[in-house]
Amino acid sequence: MKNLLLVMMLAGLVSGCSFVNITEKGESVRVATLYDIAGCERKGATVVSVKDSVVGIDRSQEKIDAELIILARNSAPDIGGDTVVREERLSDGKQRFGVYKCRR
């Protein structure tokens, strides 16, 4: 019984945790769709990943998705981009984003 309670408490803590924070540079990067990038210059791509489970407990897909977006936004300025677009579906905590320069 004690072990079950401990596992439940740990699961609650893990599900509420955010492991990724937006950087100052990442704050200025927007998330767009393929329809939004007409006229933008492609700068490259970034593949970002996070843990999809912690201590054997699956993490919320919403939290994983939010953290991947933050990581993509954080990495875009490093390759000259100000906009990111999903290029692949989320798989095993990993996703590929295209990086574009849209603002002049």
N, C-alpha and C. Protein backbone atom coordinates (compact mmCIF):
# COMPACT_ATOMS: atom_id res chain seq x y z
N MET A 1 0.81 -1.19 0.00
CA MET A 1 0.00 0.00 0.00
C MET A 1 0.86 1.26 0.00
N LYS A 2 1.93 1.25 0.82
CA LYS A 2 2.82 2.41 0.87
C LYS A 2 3.49 2.64 -0.48
N ASN A 3 3.88 1.54 -1.15
CA ASN A 3 4.52 1.68 -2.46
C ASN A 3 3.57 2.28 -3.49
N LEU A 4 2.32 1.86 -3.45
CA LEU A 4 1.32 2.40 -4.37
C LEU A 4 1.13 3.89 -4.14
N LEU A 5 1.04 4.29 -2.89
CA LEU A 5 0.89 5.70 -2.55
C LEU A 5 2.10 6.50 -3.01
N LEU A 6 3.28 5.96 -2.82
CA LEU A 6 4.51 6.62 -3.26
C LEU A 6 4.53 6.79 -4.77
N VAL A 7 4.16 5.76 -5.51
CA VAL A 7 4.12 5.84 -6.97
C VAL A 7 3.10 6.88 -7.42
N MET A 8 1.95 6.93 -6.78
CA MET A 8 0.92 7.91 -7.15
C MET A 8 1.40 9.33 -6.88
N MET A 9 2.07 9.54 -5.77
CA MET A 9 2.60 10.87 -5.46
C MET A 9 3.67 11.27 -6.47
N LEU A 10 4.54 10.35 -6.81
CA LEU A 10 5.59 10.61 -7.79
C LEU A 10 4.99 10.94 -9.15
N ALA A 11 3.97 10.21 -9.54
CA ALA A 11 3.30 10.46 -10.82
C ALA A 11 2.69 11.86 -10.83
N GLY A 12 2.10 12.26 -9.75
CA GLY A 12 1.51 13.60 -9.66
C GLY A 12 2.57 14.68 -9.77
N LEU A 13 3.69 14.47 -9.14
CA LEU A 13 4.78 15.45 -9.23
C LEU A 13 5.34 15.53 -10.64
N VAL A 14 5.56 14.39 -11.26
CA VAL A 14 6.13 14.35 -12.60
C VAL A 14 5.19 14.97 -13.61
N SER A 15 3.89 14.70 -13.51
CA SER A 15 2.94 15.23 -14.48
C SER A 15 2.83 16.74 -14.38
N GLY A 16 3.12 17.31 -13.23
CA GLY A 16 3.04 18.76 -13.07
C GLY A 16 4.33 19.48 -13.39
N CYS A 17 5.39 18.74 -13.61
CA CYS A 17 6.70 19.36 -13.85
C CYS A 17 6.85 19.80 -15.31
N SER A 18 7.53 20.88 -15.49
CA SER A 18 7.95 21.29 -16.81
C SER A 18 9.47 21.27 -16.81
N PHE A 19 10.04 20.58 -17.77
CA PHE A 19 11.48 20.41 -17.78
C PHE A 19 12.18 21.39 -18.69
N VAL A 20 11.42 22.22 -19.43
CA VAL A 20 12.01 23.09 -20.44
C VAL A 20 11.50 24.52 -20.23
N ASN A 21 12.41 25.48 -20.30
CA ASN A 21 12.05 26.89 -20.17
C ASN A 21 12.41 27.64 -21.44
N ILE A 22 11.60 28.62 -21.80
CA ILE A 22 11.87 29.44 -22.98
C ILE A 22 13.02 30.40 -22.67
N THR A 23 13.89 30.60 -23.65
CA THR A 23 14.98 31.55 -23.49
C THR A 23 14.53 32.92 -23.97
N GLU A 24 15.33 33.92 -23.69
CA GLU A 24 15.01 35.28 -24.15
C GLU A 24 14.93 35.33 -25.67
N LYS A 25 15.88 34.70 -26.35
CA LYS A 25 15.85 34.67 -27.81
C LYS A 25 14.67 33.87 -28.33
N GLY A 26 14.33 32.78 -27.67
CA GLY A 26 13.22 31.93 -28.08
C GLY A 26 11.87 32.62 -27.99
N GLU A 27 11.75 33.57 -27.07
CA GLU A 27 10.48 34.30 -26.91
C GLU A 27 10.07 35.04 -28.17
N SER A 28 11.03 35.46 -28.99
CA SER A 28 10.71 36.23 -30.18
C SER A 28 10.41 35.35 -31.40
N VAL A 29 10.50 34.04 -31.24
CA VAL A 29 10.26 33.11 -32.35
C VAL A 29 8.80 32.68 -32.32
N ARG A 30 8.15 32.73 -33.49
CA ARG A 30 6.75 32.33 -33.54
C ARG A 30 6.61 30.92 -34.12
N VAL A 31 5.51 30.29 -33.80
CA VAL A 31 5.18 28.97 -34.33
C VAL A 31 4.14 29.20 -35.42
N ALA A 32 4.40 28.66 -36.61
CA ALA A 32 3.52 28.89 -37.75
C ALA A 32 3.15 27.56 -38.40
N THR A 33 2.30 27.66 -39.42
CA THR A 33 1.96 26.50 -40.23
C THR A 33 2.59 26.67 -41.60
N LEU A 34 2.53 25.64 -42.41
CA LEU A 34 3.08 25.74 -43.77
C LEU A 34 2.43 26.85 -44.57
N TYR A 35 1.17 27.15 -44.28
CA TYR A 35 0.46 28.19 -45.01
C TYR A 35 0.95 29.59 -44.65
N ASP A 36 1.57 29.72 -43.49
CA ASP A 36 2.02 31.02 -43.00
C ASP A 36 3.40 31.43 -43.48
N ILE A 37 4.11 30.53 -44.14
CA ILE A 37 5.52 30.82 -44.43
C ILE A 37 5.80 31.18 -45.89
N ALA A 38 4.75 31.46 -46.65
CA ALA A 38 4.97 31.91 -48.04
C ALA A 38 5.78 33.20 -47.99
N GLY A 39 6.84 33.25 -48.75
CA GLY A 39 7.70 34.43 -48.77
C GLY A 39 8.79 34.42 -47.71
N CYS A 40 8.81 33.40 -46.87
CA CYS A 40 9.85 33.30 -45.85
C CYS A 40 11.05 32.52 -46.42
N GLU A 41 12.20 32.77 -45.84
CA GLU A 41 13.41 32.07 -46.27
C GLU A 41 13.70 30.90 -45.32
N ARG A 42 13.84 29.73 -45.89
CA ARG A 42 14.16 28.56 -45.07
C ARG A 42 15.63 28.63 -44.64
N LYS A 43 15.84 28.47 -43.34
CA LYS A 43 17.19 28.52 -42.79
C LYS A 43 17.73 27.14 -42.46
N GLY A 44 16.83 26.16 -42.33
CA GLY A 44 17.26 24.81 -41.98
C GLY A 44 16.18 24.12 -41.18
N ALA A 45 16.61 23.19 -40.35
CA ALA A 45 15.67 22.43 -39.53
C ALA A 45 16.32 22.12 -38.20
N THR A 46 15.48 21.81 -37.24
CA THR A 46 15.96 21.40 -35.93
C THR A 46 15.13 20.20 -35.49
N VAL A 47 15.79 19.21 -34.93
CA VAL A 47 15.12 18.05 -34.37
C VAL A 47 15.28 18.16 -32.86
N VAL A 48 14.15 18.20 -32.17
CA VAL A 48 14.17 18.37 -30.72
C VAL A 48 13.52 17.17 -30.06
N SER A 49 13.93 16.89 -28.84
CA SER A 49 13.36 15.74 -28.14
C SER A 49 13.35 15.97 -26.63
N VAL A 50 12.40 15.30 -25.99
CA VAL A 50 12.29 15.29 -24.53
C VAL A 50 11.95 13.87 -24.11
N LYS A 51 12.05 13.60 -22.85
CA LYS A 51 11.67 12.30 -22.31
C LYS A 51 10.15 12.15 -22.42
N ASP A 52 9.70 11.02 -22.95
CA ASP A 52 8.26 10.80 -23.02
C ASP A 52 7.74 10.00 -21.84
N SER A 53 8.66 9.54 -20.99
CA SER A 53 8.25 8.91 -19.74
C SER A 53 9.34 9.17 -18.71
N VAL A 54 8.93 9.19 -17.45
CA VAL A 54 9.86 9.40 -16.35
C VAL A 54 9.56 8.34 -15.31
N VAL A 55 10.60 7.63 -14.93
CA VAL A 55 10.47 6.55 -13.95
C VAL A 55 9.39 5.56 -14.39
N GLY A 56 9.33 5.30 -15.70
CA GLY A 56 8.37 4.34 -16.22
C GLY A 56 6.95 4.85 -16.35
N ILE A 57 6.73 6.11 -16.05
CA ILE A 57 5.39 6.70 -16.12
C ILE A 57 5.33 7.60 -17.35
N ASP A 58 4.37 7.33 -18.25
CA ASP A 58 4.21 8.15 -19.45
C ASP A 58 3.85 9.57 -19.07
N ARG A 59 4.48 10.52 -19.76
CA ARG A 59 4.18 11.94 -19.55
C ARG A 59 3.03 12.36 -20.45
N SER A 60 2.35 13.40 -20.08
CA SER A 60 1.23 13.95 -20.84
C SER A 60 1.70 14.39 -22.23
N GLN A 61 0.94 13.99 -23.26
CA GLN A 61 1.28 14.39 -24.63
C GLN A 61 1.24 15.91 -24.78
N GLU A 62 0.34 16.58 -24.07
CA GLU A 62 0.26 18.04 -24.14
C GLU A 62 1.53 18.69 -23.60
N LYS A 63 2.05 18.16 -22.50
CA LYS A 63 3.28 18.71 -21.93
C LYS A 63 4.47 18.43 -22.84
N ILE A 64 4.52 17.22 -23.39
CA ILE A 64 5.60 16.88 -24.31
C ILE A 64 5.56 17.81 -25.51
N ASP A 65 4.38 18.01 -26.08
CA ASP A 65 4.21 18.89 -27.24
C ASP A 65 4.65 20.31 -26.91
N ALA A 66 4.21 20.83 -25.77
CA ALA A 66 4.57 22.19 -25.37
C ALA A 66 6.08 22.34 -25.19
N GLU A 67 6.73 21.34 -24.61
CA GLU A 67 8.17 21.41 -24.41
C GLU A 67 8.94 21.32 -25.72
N LEU A 68 8.45 20.51 -26.66
CA LEU A 68 9.11 20.43 -27.97
C LEU A 68 9.03 21.77 -28.71
N ILE A 69 7.88 22.42 -28.61
CA ILE A 69 7.74 23.74 -29.24
C ILE A 69 8.72 24.73 -28.62
N ILE A 70 8.85 24.71 -27.30
CA ILE A 70 9.79 25.61 -26.63
C ILE A 70 11.22 25.33 -27.09
N LEU A 71 11.60 24.06 -27.16
CA LEU A 71 12.95 23.72 -27.61
C LEU A 71 13.20 24.17 -29.04
N ALA A 72 12.20 23.99 -29.91
CA ALA A 72 12.34 24.43 -31.30
C ALA A 72 12.49 25.94 -31.35
N ARG A 73 11.67 26.66 -30.60
CA ARG A 73 11.77 28.12 -30.57
C ARG A 73 13.13 28.56 -30.03
N ASN A 74 13.62 27.88 -29.00
CA ASN A 74 14.92 28.24 -28.43
C ASN A 74 16.06 28.03 -29.42
N SER A 75 15.95 27.02 -30.27
CA SER A 75 17.06 26.70 -31.18
C SER A 75 17.01 27.50 -32.49
N ALA A 76 15.86 28.03 -32.87
CA ALA A 76 15.73 28.74 -34.15
C ALA A 76 16.69 29.93 -34.31
N PRO A 77 16.84 30.79 -33.32
CA PRO A 77 17.76 31.92 -33.50
C PRO A 77 19.21 31.51 -33.77
N ASP A 78 19.59 30.35 -33.28
CA ASP A 78 20.97 29.88 -33.48
C ASP A 78 21.27 29.60 -34.95
N ILE A 79 20.23 29.36 -35.75
CA ILE A 79 20.46 29.14 -37.19
C ILE A 79 19.83 30.24 -38.04
N GLY A 80 19.55 31.38 -37.40
CA GLY A 80 19.09 32.54 -38.13
C GLY A 80 17.60 32.62 -38.38
N GLY A 81 16.81 31.86 -37.66
CA GLY A 81 15.37 31.85 -37.88
C GLY A 81 14.59 32.63 -36.85
N ASP A 82 13.38 33.02 -37.25
CA ASP A 82 12.46 33.68 -36.33
C ASP A 82 11.09 33.01 -36.31
N THR A 83 10.97 31.89 -37.04
CA THR A 83 9.70 31.16 -37.16
C THR A 83 10.00 29.67 -37.26
N VAL A 84 9.19 28.86 -36.58
CA VAL A 84 9.32 27.41 -36.70
C VAL A 84 8.00 26.80 -37.17
N VAL A 85 8.12 25.71 -37.93
CA VAL A 85 6.97 25.00 -38.48
C VAL A 85 7.19 23.50 -38.27
N ARG A 86 6.19 22.81 -37.74
CA ARG A 86 6.29 21.36 -37.58
C ARG A 86 6.43 20.71 -38.95
N GLU A 87 7.38 19.80 -39.07
CA GLU A 87 7.56 19.07 -40.33
C GLU A 87 7.24 17.59 -40.19
N GLU A 88 7.23 17.09 -38.99
CA GLU A 88 6.93 15.68 -38.74
C GLU A 88 6.01 15.58 -37.54
N ARG A 89 5.37 14.45 -37.42
CA ARG A 89 4.54 14.18 -36.25
C ARG A 89 5.43 13.84 -35.06
N LEU A 90 4.92 14.12 -33.90
CA LEU A 90 5.58 13.74 -32.65
C LEU A 90 5.69 12.23 -32.57
N SER A 91 6.90 11.73 -32.31
CA SER A 91 7.12 10.30 -32.20
C SER A 91 8.18 10.02 -31.14
N ASP A 92 7.82 9.27 -30.13
CA ASP A 92 8.74 8.89 -29.06
C ASP A 92 9.43 10.09 -28.42
N GLY A 93 8.68 11.18 -28.24
CA GLY A 93 9.24 12.37 -27.60
C GLY A 93 10.12 13.20 -28.50
N LYS A 94 10.08 12.96 -29.81
CA LYS A 94 10.96 13.66 -30.76
C LYS A 94 10.12 14.23 -31.90
N GLN A 95 10.56 15.42 -32.39
CA GLN A 95 9.86 16.04 -33.52
C GLN A 95 10.82 16.94 -34.29
N ARG A 96 10.58 17.02 -35.61
CA ARG A 96 11.39 17.87 -36.49
C ARG A 96 10.59 19.12 -36.84
N PHE A 97 11.27 20.27 -36.77
CA PHE A 97 10.69 21.57 -37.11
C PHE A 97 11.54 22.23 -38.19
N GLY A 98 10.89 22.83 -39.18
CA GLY A 98 11.58 23.68 -40.14
C GLY A 98 11.79 25.03 -39.50
N VAL A 99 12.91 25.65 -39.83
CA VAL A 99 13.25 26.97 -39.28
C VAL A 99 13.30 27.96 -40.43
N TYR A 100 12.58 29.07 -40.28
CA TYR A 100 12.45 30.07 -41.34
C TYR A 100 12.74 31.47 -40.81
N LYS A 101 13.17 32.33 -41.74
CA LYS A 101 13.33 33.76 -41.46
C LYS A 101 12.20 34.45 -42.20
N CYS A 102 11.25 34.99 -41.45
CA CYS A 102 10.07 35.61 -42.07
C CYS A 102 10.03 37.12 -41.89
N ARG A 103 10.55 37.61 -40.80
CA ARG A 103 10.52 39.06 -40.53
C ARG A 103 11.75 39.70 -41.15
N ARG A 104 11.52 40.82 -41.76
CA ARG A 104 12.65 41.54 -42.43
C ARG A 104 13.18 42.63 -41.55
